[in-house]
Amino acid sequence: GQLECGGWNYVFDYAGENSLKQWYDTVGKNGWRLEEFRHYYGNATY
């Protein structure tokens, strides 16, 4: 799950990036108080 840049996102998906993006567009996007999951950046986080 290590990204090409060398870091990690909060989460990765063994089913692939399209599956992860679909999660961000549904579950992640609709978390009212968890705004950090409302947008898929595709990069790593500290």
All heavy atoms as atom14 arrays in JSON, in Angstrom:
{
  "sequence": "GQLECGGWNYVFDYAGENSLKQWYDTVGKNGWRLEEFRHYYGNATY",
  "atom14_mask": [
    [1, 1, 1, 1, 0, 0, 0, 0, 0, 0, 0, 0, 0, 0],
    [1, 1, 1, 1, 1, 1, 1, 1, 1, 0, 0, 0, 0, 0],
    [1, 1, 1, 1, 1, 1, 1, 1, 0, 0, 0, 0, 0, 0],
    [1, 1, 1, 1, 1, 1, 1, 1, 1, 0, 0, 0, 0, 0],
    [1, 1, 1, 1, 1, 1, 0, 0, 0, 0, 0, 0, 0, 0],
    [1, 1, 1, 1, 0, 0, 0, 0, 0, 0, 0, 0, 0, 0],
    [1, 1, 1, 1, 0, 0, 0, 0, 0, 0, 0, 0, 0, 0],
    [1, 1, 1, 1, 1, 1, 1, 1, 1, 1, 1, 1, 1, 1],
    [1, 1, 1, 1, 1, 1, 1, 1, 0, 0, 0, 0, 0, 0],
    [1, 1, 1, 1, 1, 1, 1, 1, 1, 1, 1, 1, 0, 0],
    [1, 1, 1, 1, 1, 1, 1, 0, 0, 0, 0, 0, 0, 0],
    [1, 1, 1, 1, 1, 1, 1, 1, 1, 1, 1, 0, 0, 0],
    [1, 1, 1, 1, 1, 1, 1, 1, 0, 0, 0, 0, 0, 0],
    [1, 1, 1, 1, 1, 1, 1, 1, 1, 1, 1, 1, 0, 0],
    [1, 1, 1, 1, 1, 0, 0, 0, 0, 0, 0, 0, 0, 0],
    [1, 1, 1, 1, 0, 0, 0, 0, 0, 0, 0, 0, 0, 0],
    [1, 1, 1, 1, 1, 1, 1, 1, 1, 0, 0, 0, 0, 0],
    [1, 1, 1, 1, 1, 1, 1, 1, 0, 0, 0, 0, 0, 0],
    [1, 1, 1, 1, 1, 1, 0, 0, 0, 0, 0, 0, 0, 0],
    [1, 1, 1, 1, 1, 1, 1, 1, 0, 0, 0, 0, 0, 0],
    [1, 1, 1, 1, 1, 1, 1, 1, 1, 0, 0, 0, 0, 0],
    [1, 1, 1, 1, 1, 1, 1, 1, 1, 0, 0, 0, 0, 0],
    [1, 1, 1, 1, 1, 1, 1, 1, 1, 1, 1, 1, 1, 1],
    [1, 1, 1, 1, 1, 1, 1, 1, 1, 1, 1, 1, 0, 0],
    [1, 1, 1, 1, 1, 1, 1, 1, 0, 0, 0, 0, 0, 0],
    [1, 1, 1, 1, 1, 1, 1, 0, 0, 0, 0, 0, 0, 0],
    [1, 1, 1, 1, 1, 1, 1, 0, 0, 0, 0, 0, 0, 0],
    [1, 1, 1, 1, 0, 0, 0, 0, 0, 0, 0, 0, 0, 0],
    [1, 1, 1, 1, 1, 1, 1, 1, 1, 0, 0, 0, 0, 0],
    [1, 1, 1, 1, 1, 1, 1, 1, 0, 0, 0, 0, 0, 0],
    [1, 1, 1, 1, 0, 0, 0, 0, 0, 0, 0, 0, 0, 0],
    [1, 1, 1, 1, 1, 1, 1, 1, 1, 1, 1, 1, 1, 1],
    [1, 1, 1, 1, 1, 1, 1, 1, 1, 1, 1, 0, 0, 0],
    [1, 1, 1, 1, 1, 1, 1, 1, 0, 0, 0, 0, 0, 0],
    [1, 1, 1, 1, 1, 1, 1, 1, 1, 0, 0, 0, 0, 0],
    [1, 1, 1, 1, 1, 1, 1, 1, 1, 0, 0, 0, 0, 0],
    [1, 1, 1, 1, 1, 1, 1, 1, 1, 1, 1, 0, 0, 0],
    [1, 1, 1, 1, 1, 1, 1, 1, 1, 1, 1, 0, 0, 0],
    [1, 1, 1, 1, 1, 1, 1, 1, 1, 1, 0, 0, 0, 0],
    [1, 1, 1, 1, 1, 1, 1, 1, 1, 1, 1, 1, 0, 0],
    [1, 1, 1, 1, 1, 1, 1, 1, 1, 1, 1, 1, 0, 0],
    [1, 1, 1, 1, 0, 0, 0, 0, 0, 0, 0, 0, 0, 0],
    [1, 1, 1, 1, 1, 1, 1, 1, 0, 0, 0, 0, 0, 0],
    [1, 1, 1, 1, 1, 0, 0, 0, 0, 0, 0, 0, 0, 0],
    [1, 1, 1, 1, 1, 1, 1, 0, 0, 0, 0, 0, 0, 0],
    [1, 1, 1, 1, 1, 1, 1, 1, 1, 1, 1, 1, 0, 0]
  ],
  "atom14_positions": [
    [[0.79, -1.23, 0.0], [0.0, 0.0, 0.0], [0.82, 1.27, 0.0], [0.25, 2.37, -0.04], [0.0, 0.0, 0.0], [0.0, 0.0, 0.0], [0.0, 0.0, 0.0], [0.0, 0.0, 0.0], [0.0, 0.0, 0.0], [0.0, 0.0, 0.0], [0.0, 0.0, 0.0], [0.0, 0.0, 0.0], [0.0, 0.0, 0.0], [0.0, 0.0, 0.0]],
    [[2.16, 1.16, 0.06], [3.0, 2.36, 0.03], [2.87, 3.03, -1.33], [3.01, 2.39, -2.38], [4.45, 1.99, 0.31], [5.38, 3.19, 0.49], [6.8, 2.76, 0.87], [7.21, 1.62, 0.62], [7.55, 3.67, 1.47], [0.0, 0.0, 0.0], [0.0, 0.0, 0.0], [0.0, 0.0, 0.0], [0.0, 0.0, 0.0], [0.0, 0.0, 0.0]],
    [[2.61, 4.33, -1.33], [2.44, 5.06, -2.58], [3.79, 5.28, -3.25], [4.84, 5.2, -2.62], [1.76, 6.4, -2.32], [0.34, 6.3, -1.73], [-0.18, 7.69, -1.36], [-0.6, 5.63, -2.72], [0.0, 0.0, 0.0], [0.0, 0.0, 0.0], [0.0, 0.0, 0.0], [0.0, 0.0, 0.0], [0.0, 0.0, 0.0], [0.0, 0.0, 0.0]],
    [[3.74, 5.58, -4.52], [4.96, 5.79, -5.28], [5.8, 6.92, -4.68], [7.04, 6.89, -4.74], [4.62, 6.12, -6.74], [5.83, 6.18, -7.66], [6.6, 4.87, -7.71], [5.98, 3.79, -7.61], [7.84, 4.92, -7.84], [0.0, 0.0, 0.0], [0.0, 0.0, 0.0], [0.0, 0.0, 0.0], [0.0, 0.0, 0.0], [0.0, 0.0, 0.0]],
    [[5.15, 7.9, -4.09], [5.87, 9.02, -3.49], [6.64, 8.6, -2.23], [7.56, 9.3, -1.81], [4.91, 10.15, -3.15], [3.66, 9.72, -1.91], [0.0, 0.0, 0.0], [0.0, 0.0, 0.0], [0.0, 0.0, 0.0], [0.0, 0.0, 0.0], [0.0, 0.0, 0.0], [0.0, 0.0, 0.0], [0.0, 0.0, 0.0], [0.0, 0.0, 0.0]],
    [[6.23, 7.48, -1.62], [6.93, 6.98, -0.45], [6.12, 6.99, 0.82], [6.5, 6.35, 1.81], [0.0, 0.0, 0.0], [0.0, 0.0, 0.0], [0.0, 0.0, 0.0], [0.0, 0.0, 0.0], [0.0, 0.0, 0.0], [0.0, 0.0, 0.0], [0.0, 0.0, 0.0], [0.0, 0.0, 0.0], [0.0, 0.0, 0.0], [0.0, 0.0, 0.0]],
    [[5.0, 7.73, 0.84], [4.17, 7.78, 2.04], [2.91, 6.94, 1.88], [2.81, 6.11, 0.98], [0.0, 0.0, 0.0], [0.0, 0.0, 0.0], [0.0, 0.0, 0.0], [0.0, 0.0, 0.0], [0.0, 0.0, 0.0], [0.0, 0.0, 0.0], [0.0, 0.0, 0.0], [0.0, 0.0, 0.0], [0.0, 0.0, 0.0], [0.0, 0.0, 0.0]],
    [[1.96, 7.17, 2.78], [0.7, 6.43, 2.77], [-0.47, 7.39, 2.91], [-0.36, 8.43, 3.58], [0.63, 5.43, 3.93], [1.47, 4.22, 3.76], [1.09, 3.0, 3.28], [2.87, 4.08, 4.09], [2.14, 2.11, 3.27], [3.25, 2.75, 3.77], [3.82, 4.95, 4.62], [4.54, 2.28, 3.98], [5.11, 4.49, 4.81], [5.46, 3.17, 4.49]],
    [[-1.58, 7.04, 2.31], [-2.84, 7.72, 2.56], [-3.42, 7.15, 3.86], [-2.87, 6.22, 4.46], [-3.79, 7.5, 1.39], [-5.05, 8.33, 1.48], [-5.11, 9.33, 2.2], [-6.07, 7.94, 0.76], [0.0, 0.0, 0.0], [0.0, 0.0, 0.0], [0.0, 0.0, 0.0], [0.0, 0.0, 0.0], [0.0, 0.0, 0.0], [0.0, 0.0, 0.0]],
    [[-4.55, 7.66, 4.31], [-5.21, 7.09, 5.48], [-5.53, 5.61, 5.27], [-5.53, 4.82, 6.22], [-6.55, 7.79, 5.76], [-6.47, 9.26, 6.06], [-6.92, 10.2, 5.13], [-5.98, 9.72, 7.27], [-6.89, 11.56, 5.41], [-5.95, 11.07, 7.56], [-6.4, 11.99, 6.63], [-6.36, 13.33, 6.9], [0.0, 0.0, 0.0], [0.0, 0.0, 0.0]],
    [[-5.79, 5.24, 4.03], [-6.34, 3.93, 3.73], [-5.92, 3.54, 2.31], [-5.67, 4.41, 1.47], [-7.89, 3.96, 3.85], [-8.49, 4.98, 2.91], [-8.51, 2.6, 3.66], [0.0, 0.0, 0.0], [0.0, 0.0, 0.0], [0.0, 0.0, 0.0], [0.0, 0.0, 0.0], [0.0, 0.0, 0.0], [0.0, 0.0, 0.0], [0.0, 0.0, 0.0]],
    [[-5.79, 2.24, 2.06], [-5.64, 1.78, 0.68], [-6.55, 0.59, 0.46], [-7.1, 0.02, 1.42], [-4.18, 1.47, 0.31], [-3.57, 0.29, 1.02], [-3.75, -1.01, 0.53], [-2.78, 0.45, 2.14], [-3.17, -2.11, 1.15], [-2.19, -0.63, 2.79], [-2.39, -1.92, 2.28], [0.0, 0.0, 0.0], [0.0, 0.0, 0.0], [0.0, 0.0, 0.0]],
    [[-6.74, 0.21, -0.79], [-7.71, -0.82, -1.14], [-7.03, -1.84, -2.04], [-6.53, -1.51, -3.12], [-8.89, -0.18, -1.87], [-10.08, -1.11, -2.01], [-9.88, -2.33, -1.95], [-11.2, -0.6, -2.18], [0.0, 0.0, 0.0], [0.0, 0.0, 0.0], [0.0, 0.0, 0.0], [0.0, 0.0, 0.0], [0.0, 0.0, 0.0], [0.0, 0.0, 0.0]],
    [[-7.0, -3.09, -1.57], [-6.42, -4.15, -2.39], [-7.19, -4.34, -3.7], [-6.66, -4.91, -4.66], [-6.42, -5.47, -1.61], [-5.19, -5.7, -0.77], [-5.29, -5.84, 0.61], [-3.93, -5.81, -1.35], [-4.17, -6.07, 1.39], [-2.8, -6.04, -0.58], [-2.93, -6.18, 0.79], [-1.81, -6.42, 1.55], [0.0, 0.0, 0.0], [0.0, 0.0, 0.0]],
    [[-8.44, -3.89, -3.75], [-9.23, -4.02, -4.98], [-8.84, -2.99, -6.04], [-9.35, -3.04, -7.16], [-10.72, -3.9, -4.66], [0.0, 0.0, 0.0], [0.0, 0.0, 0.0], [0.0, 0.0, 0.0], [0.0, 0.0, 0.0], [0.0, 0.0, 0.0], [0.0, 0.0, 0.0], [0.0, 0.0, 0.0], [0.0, 0.0, 0.0], [0.0, 0.0, 0.0]],
    [[-7.96, -2.07, -5.7], [-7.45, -1.13, -6.69], [-7.94, 0.28, -6.49], [-8.84, 0.57, -5.69], [0.0, 0.0, 0.0], [0.0, 0.0, 0.0], [0.0, 0.0, 0.0], [0.0, 0.0, 0.0], [0.0, 0.0, 0.0], [0.0, 0.0, 0.0], [0.0, 0.0, 0.0], [0.0, 0.0, 0.0], [0.0, 0.0, 0.0], [0.0, 0.0, 0.0]],
    [[-7.35, 1.21, -7.25], [-7.65, 2.63, -7.08], [-9.08, 2.98, -7.46], [-9.7, 3.84, -6.83], [-6.67, 3.48, -7.9], [-6.78, 4.97, -7.58], [-5.69, 5.79, -8.24], [-5.12, 5.33, -9.24], [-5.42, 6.9, -7.76], [0.0, 0.0, 0.0], [0.0, 0.0, 0.0], [0.0, 0.0, 0.0], [0.0, 0.0, 0.0], [0.0, 0.0, 0.0]],
    [[-9.63, 2.33, -8.48], [-11.02, 2.63, -8.85], [-11.97, 2.29, -7.71], [-12.94, 3.02, -7.44], [-11.41, 1.87, -10.11], [-10.77, 2.45, -11.36], [-10.36, 3.61, -11.36], [-10.67, 1.65, -12.41], [0.0, 0.0, 0.0], [0.0, 0.0, 0.0], [0.0, 0.0, 0.0], [0.0, 0.0, 0.0], [0.0, 0.0, 0.0], [0.0, 0.0, 0.0]],
    [[-11.72, 1.19, -7.03], [-12.54, 0.82, -5.89], [-12.4, 1.84, -4.77], [-13.4, 2.21, -4.12], [-12.14, -0.57, -5.38], [-12.87, -0.94, -4.23], [0.0, 0.0, 0.0], [0.0, 0.0, 0.0], [0.0, 0.0, 0.0], [0.0, 0.0, 0.0], [0.0, 0.0, 0.0], [0.0, 0.0, 0.0], [0.0, 0.0, 0.0], [0.0, 0.0, 0.0]],
    [[-11.18, 2.32, -4.54], [-10.95, 3.32, -3.5], [-11.65, 4.63, -3.87], [-12.28, 5.28, -3.01], [-9.46, 3.56, -3.32], [-9.05, 4.52, -2.2], [-9.57, 4.04, -0.84], [-7.54, 4.7, -2.17], [0.0, 0.0, 0.0], [0.0, 0.0, 0.0], [0.0, 0.0, 0.0], [0.0, 0.0, 0.0], [0.0, 0.0, 0.0], [0.0, 0.0, 0.0]],
    [[-11.56, 5.04, -5.12], [-12.24, 6.27, -5.55], [-13.76, 6.15, -5.38], [-14.43, 7.11, -4.98], [-11.9, 6.57, -7.01], [-10.5, 7.09, -7.23], [-10.26, 7.37, -8.71], [-8.88, 7.95, -8.96], [-8.63, 8.2, -10.41], [0.0, 0.0, 0.0], [0.0, 0.0, 0.0], [0.0, 0.0, 0.0], [0.0, 0.0, 0.0], [0.0, 0.0, 0.0]],
    [[-14.29, 4.98, -5.68], [-15.73, 4.77, -5.52], [-16.12, 4.91, -4.06], [-17.18, 5.46, -3.73], [-16.12, 3.38, -6.06], [-17.61, 3.1, -6.12], [-18.15, 2.49, -4.82], [-17.41, 1.91, -4.04], [-19.46, 2.63, -4.62], [0.0, 0.0, 0.0], [0.0, 0.0, 0.0], [0.0, 0.0, 0.0], [0.0, 0.0, 0.0], [0.0, 0.0, 0.0]],
    [[-15.28, 4.42, -3.15], [-15.54, 4.59, -1.72], [-15.52, 6.06, -1.33], [-16.39, 6.53, -0.59], [-14.49, 3.8, -0.92], [-14.65, 3.91, 0.56], [-15.4, 3.1, 1.37], [-14.05, 4.89, 1.42], [-15.3, 3.52, 2.68], [-14.49, 4.61, 2.74], [-13.2, 5.98, 1.21], [-14.1, 5.38, 3.83], [-12.81, 6.74, 2.3], [-13.25, 6.44, 3.59]],
    [[-14.53, 6.79, -1.83], [-14.46, 8.23, -1.54], [-15.7, 8.96, -2.05], [-16.19, 9.9, -1.41], [-13.21, 8.84, -2.16], [-12.03, 8.91, -1.23], [-11.12, 7.86, -1.14], [-11.81, 10.02, -0.43], [-10.02, 7.92, -0.29], [-10.72, 10.09, 0.43], [-9.83, 9.04, 0.49], [-8.76, 9.1, 1.35], [0.0, 0.0, 0.0], [0.0, 0.0, 0.0]],
    [[-16.23, 8.55, -3.19], [-17.38, 9.23, -3.79], [-18.7, 8.88, -3.1], [-19.73, 9.5, -3.4], [-17.49, 8.87, -5.28], [-16.43, 9.57, -6.12], [-15.9, 10.6, -5.65], [-16.15, 9.09, -7.23], [0.0, 0.0, 0.0], [0.0, 0.0, 0.0], [0.0, 0.0, 0.0], [0.0, 0.0, 0.0], [0.0, 0.0, 0.0], [0.0, 0.0, 0.0]],
    [[-18.69, 7.9, -2.21], [-19.92, 7.49, -1.54], [-19.77, 7.64, -0.03], [-20.19, 8.63, 0.54], [-20.29, 6.04, -1.92], [-19.15, 5.18, -1.68], [-20.67, 5.94, -3.39], [0.0, 0.0, 0.0], [0.0, 0.0, 0.0], [0.0, 0.0, 0.0], [0.0, 0.0, 0.0], [0.0, 0.0, 0.0], [0.0, 0.0, 0.0], [0.0, 0.0, 0.0]],
    [[-19.16, 6.65, 0.6], [-18.99, 6.67, 2.06], [-18.17, 7.88, 2.5], [-18.57, 8.64, 3.4], [-18.34, 5.37, 2.55], [-18.05, 5.45, 4.05], [-19.23, 4.18, 2.26], [0.0, 0.0, 0.0], [0.0, 0.0, 0.0], [0.0, 0.0, 0.0], [0.0, 0.0, 0.0], [0.0, 0.0, 0.0], [0.0, 0.0, 0.0], [0.0, 0.0, 0.0]],
    [[-17.01, 8.09, 1.89], [-16.14, 9.18, 2.3], [-16.76, 10.55, 2.12], [-16.75, 11.38, 3.03], [0.0, 0.0, 0.0], [0.0, 0.0, 0.0], [0.0, 0.0, 0.0], [0.0, 0.0, 0.0], [0.0, 0.0, 0.0], [0.0, 0.0, 0.0], [0.0, 0.0, 0.0], [0.0, 0.0, 0.0], [0.0, 0.0, 0.0], [0.0, 0.0, 0.0]],
    [[-17.34, 10.78, 0.99], [-17.9, 12.09, 0.65], [-19.05, 12.48, 1.56], [-19.29, 13.67, 1.78], [-18.36, 12.08, -0.8], [-18.81, 13.43, -1.33], [-19.14, 13.33, -2.8], [-19.56, 14.68, -3.36], [-19.88, 14.58, -4.82], [0.0, 0.0, 0.0], [0.0, 0.0, 0.0], [0.0, 0.0, 0.0], [0.0, 0.0, 0.0], [0.0, 0.0, 0.0]],
    [[-19.77, 11.52, 2.1], [-20.96, 11.81, 2.88], [-20.74, 11.8, 4.4], [-21.69, 11.84, 5.16], [-22.08, 10.84, 2.5], [-22.69, 11.2, 1.17], [-23.6, 12.02, 1.09], [-22.18, 10.59, 0.1], [0.0, 0.0, 0.0], [0.0, 0.0, 0.0], [0.0, 0.0, 0.0], [0.0, 0.0, 0.0], [0.0, 0.0, 0.0], [0.0, 0.0, 0.0]],
    [[-19.48, 11.75, 4.82], [-19.17, 11.88, 6.24], [-19.14, 13.35, 6.61], [-18.15, 14.04, 6.36], [0.0, 0.0, 0.0], [0.0, 0.0, 0.0], [0.0, 0.0, 0.0], [0.0, 0.0, 0.0], [0.0, 0.0, 0.0], [0.0, 0.0, 0.0], [0.0, 0.0, 0.0], [0.0, 0.0, 0.0], [0.0, 0.0, 0.0], [0.0, 0.0, 0.0]],
    [[-20.22, 13.83, 7.22], [-20.38, 15.26, 7.46], [-19.23, 15.85, 8.26], [-18.66, 16.88, 7.92], [-21.72, 15.47, 8.17], [-22.13, 16.89, 8.38], [-21.62, 18.0, 7.76], [-23.13, 17.38, 9.27], [-22.24, 19.14, 8.2], [-23.18, 18.79, 9.13], [-24.0, 16.76, 10.17], [-24.06, 19.59, 9.86], [-24.89, 17.56, 10.89], [-24.91, 18.95, 10.74]],
    [[-18.86, 15.21, 9.36], [-17.83, 15.77, 10.22], [-16.42, 15.32, 9.87], [-15.45, 15.77, 10.48], [-18.13, 15.44, 11.68], [-18.03, 13.97, 12.05], [-18.29, 13.79, 13.55], [-18.35, 12.4, 13.97], [-17.29, 11.65, 14.26], [-16.09, 12.17, 14.17], [-17.45, 10.4, 14.64], [0.0, 0.0, 0.0], [0.0, 0.0, 0.0], [0.0, 0.0, 0.0]],
    [[-16.26, 14.44, 8.88], [-14.94, 13.93, 8.5], [-14.56, 14.51, 7.13], [-14.49, 13.8, 6.12], [-14.94, 12.4, 8.48], [-15.13, 11.77, 9.87], [-15.39, 10.28, 9.76], [-13.92, 12.04, 10.75], [0.0, 0.0, 0.0], [0.0, 0.0, 0.0], [0.0, 0.0, 0.0], [0.0, 0.0, 0.0], [0.0, 0.0, 0.0], [0.0, 0.0, 0.0]],
    [[-14.33, 15.79, 7.12], [-14.11, 16.5, 5.86], [-12.85, 16.05, 5.14], [-12.73, 16.23, 3.93], [-14.07, 18.01, 6.12], [-15.4, 18.56, 6.59], [-15.35, 20.04, 6.93], [-14.26, 20.64, 6.83], [-16.39, 20.59, 7.31], [0.0, 0.0, 0.0], [0.0, 0.0, 0.0], [0.0, 0.0, 0.0], [0.0, 0.0, 0.0], [0.0, 0.0, 0.0]],
    [[-11.91, 15.46, 5.87], [-10.68, 14.99, 5.23], [-10.93, 13.83, 4.28], [-10.05, 13.5, 3.44], [-9.64, 14.59, 6.29], [-10.06, 13.44, 7.19], [-10.78, 13.88, 8.44], [-11.56, 14.85, 8.39], [-10.58, 13.24, 9.5], [0.0, 0.0, 0.0], [0.0, 0.0, 0.0], [0.0, 0.0, 0.0], [0.0, 0.0, 0.0], [0.0, 0.0, 0.0]],
    [[-12.1, 13.2, 4.36], [-12.44, 12.1, 3.45], [-13.41, 12.54, 2.35], [-13.87, 11.71, 1.57], [-13.07, 10.94, 4.23], [-12.1, 10.26, 5.16], [-12.17, 10.48, 6.53], [-11.12, 9.41, 4.68], [-11.28, 9.86, 7.4], [-10.23, 8.79, 5.54], [-10.31, 9.01, 6.9], [0.0, 0.0, 0.0], [0.0, 0.0, 0.0], [0.0, 0.0, 0.0]],
    [[-13.67, 13.82, 2.25], [-14.64, 14.31, 1.28], [-14.02, 14.5, -0.11], [-14.74, 14.78, -1.06], [-15.23, 15.64, 1.76], [-15.93, 15.55, 3.12], [-17.41, 15.4, 3.01], [-18.04, 16.61, 2.56], [-18.42, 17.62, 3.35], [-18.19, 17.54, 4.65], [-19.02, 18.66, 2.85], [0.0, 0.0, 0.0], [0.0, 0.0, 0.0], [0.0, 0.0, 0.0]],
    [[-12.71, 14.38, -0.19], [-12.02, 14.6, -1.46], [-10.88, 13.6, -1.6], [-10.1, 13.4, -0.67], [-11.47, 16.03, -1.52], [-10.68, 16.34, -2.75], [-11.23, 16.42, -4.0], [-9.35, 16.59, -2.91], [-10.3, 16.71, -4.88], [-9.15, 16.82, -4.26], [0.0, 0.0, 0.0], [0.0, 0.0, 0.0], [0.0, 0.0, 0.0], [0.0, 0.0, 0.0]],
    [[-10.79, 12.96, -2.76], [-9.71, 12.0, -3.02], [-8.54, 12.73, -3.66], [-8.61, 13.16, -4.81], [-10.21, 10.88, -3.93], [-9.11, 9.88, -4.28], [-8.61, 9.01, -3.33], [-8.59, 9.82, -5.57], [-7.61, 8.1, -3.64], [-7.59, 8.91, -5.89], [-7.1, 8.07, -4.92], [-6.1, 7.17, -5.23], [0.0, 0.0, 0.0], [0.0, 0.0, 0.0]],
    [[-7.45, 12.87, -2.92], [-6.27, 13.57, -3.42], [-5.37, 12.65, -4.24], [-4.7, 13.1, -5.18], [-5.45, 14.13, -2.26], [-5.99, 15.38, -1.63], [-6.79, 15.32, -0.49], [-5.69, 16.63, -2.14], [-7.28, 16.47, 0.1], [-6.16, 17.79, -1.56], [-6.96, 17.71, -0.44], [-7.43, 18.86, 0.15], [0.0, 0.0, 0.0], [0.0, 0.0, 0.0]],
    [[-5.26, 11.39, -3.84], [-4.35, 10.48, -4.51], [-2.91, 10.61, -4.04], [-2.01, 9.99, -4.62], [0.0, 0.0, 0.0], [0.0, 0.0, 0.0], [0.0, 0.0, 0.0], [0.0, 0.0, 0.0], [0.0, 0.0, 0.0], [0.0, 0.0, 0.0], [0.0, 0.0, 0.0], [0.0, 0.0, 0.0], [0.0, 0.0, 0.0], [0.0, 0.0, 0.0]],
    [[-2.68, 11.4, -2.98], [-1.32, 11.53, -2.45], [-1.27, 11.01, -1.01], [-2.22, 10.39, -0.54], [-0.85, 12.99, -2.53], [-1.73, 13.95, -1.74], [-2.71, 13.53, -1.11], [-1.41, 15.23, -1.78], [0.0, 0.0, 0.0], [0.0, 0.0, 0.0], [0.0, 0.0, 0.0], [0.0, 0.0, 0.0], [0.0, 0.0, 0.0], [0.0, 0.0, 0.0]],
    [[-0.17, 11.24, -0.33], [0.03, 10.7, 1.02], [-0.27, 11.77, 2.07], [-0.25, 12.97, 1.79], [1.46, 10.2, 1.18], [0.0, 0.0, 0.0], [0.0, 0.0, 0.0], [0.0, 0.0, 0.0], [0.0, 0.0, 0.0], [0.0, 0.0, 0.0], [0.0, 0.0, 0.0], [0.0, 0.0, 0.0], [0.0, 0.0, 0.0], [0.0, 0.0, 0.0]],
    [[-0.54, 11.32, 3.29], [-0.84, 12.24, 4.38], [0.02, 11.95, 5.61], [0.37, 10.8, 5.89], [-2.33, 12.16, 4.77], [-2.59, 13.11, 5.81], [-2.72, 10.76, 5.26], [0.0, 0.0, 0.0], [0.0, 0.0, 0.0], [0.0, 0.0, 0.0], [0.0, 0.0, 0.0], [0.0, 0.0, 0.0], [0.0, 0.0, 0.0], [0.0, 0.0, 0.0]],
    [[0.37, 13.03, 6.32], [1.02, 12.91, 7.62], [0.01, 12.96, 8.76], [0.37, 12.77, 9.92], [2.01, 14.07, 7.82], [3.29, 13.96, 7.04], [3.63, 14.91, 6.08], [4.18, 12.92, 7.27], [4.83, 14.83, 5.37], [5.37, 12.82, 6.57], [5.7, 13.78, 5.62], [6.87, 13.69, 4.93], [0.0, 0.0, 0.0], [0.0, 0.0, 0.0]]
  ]
}
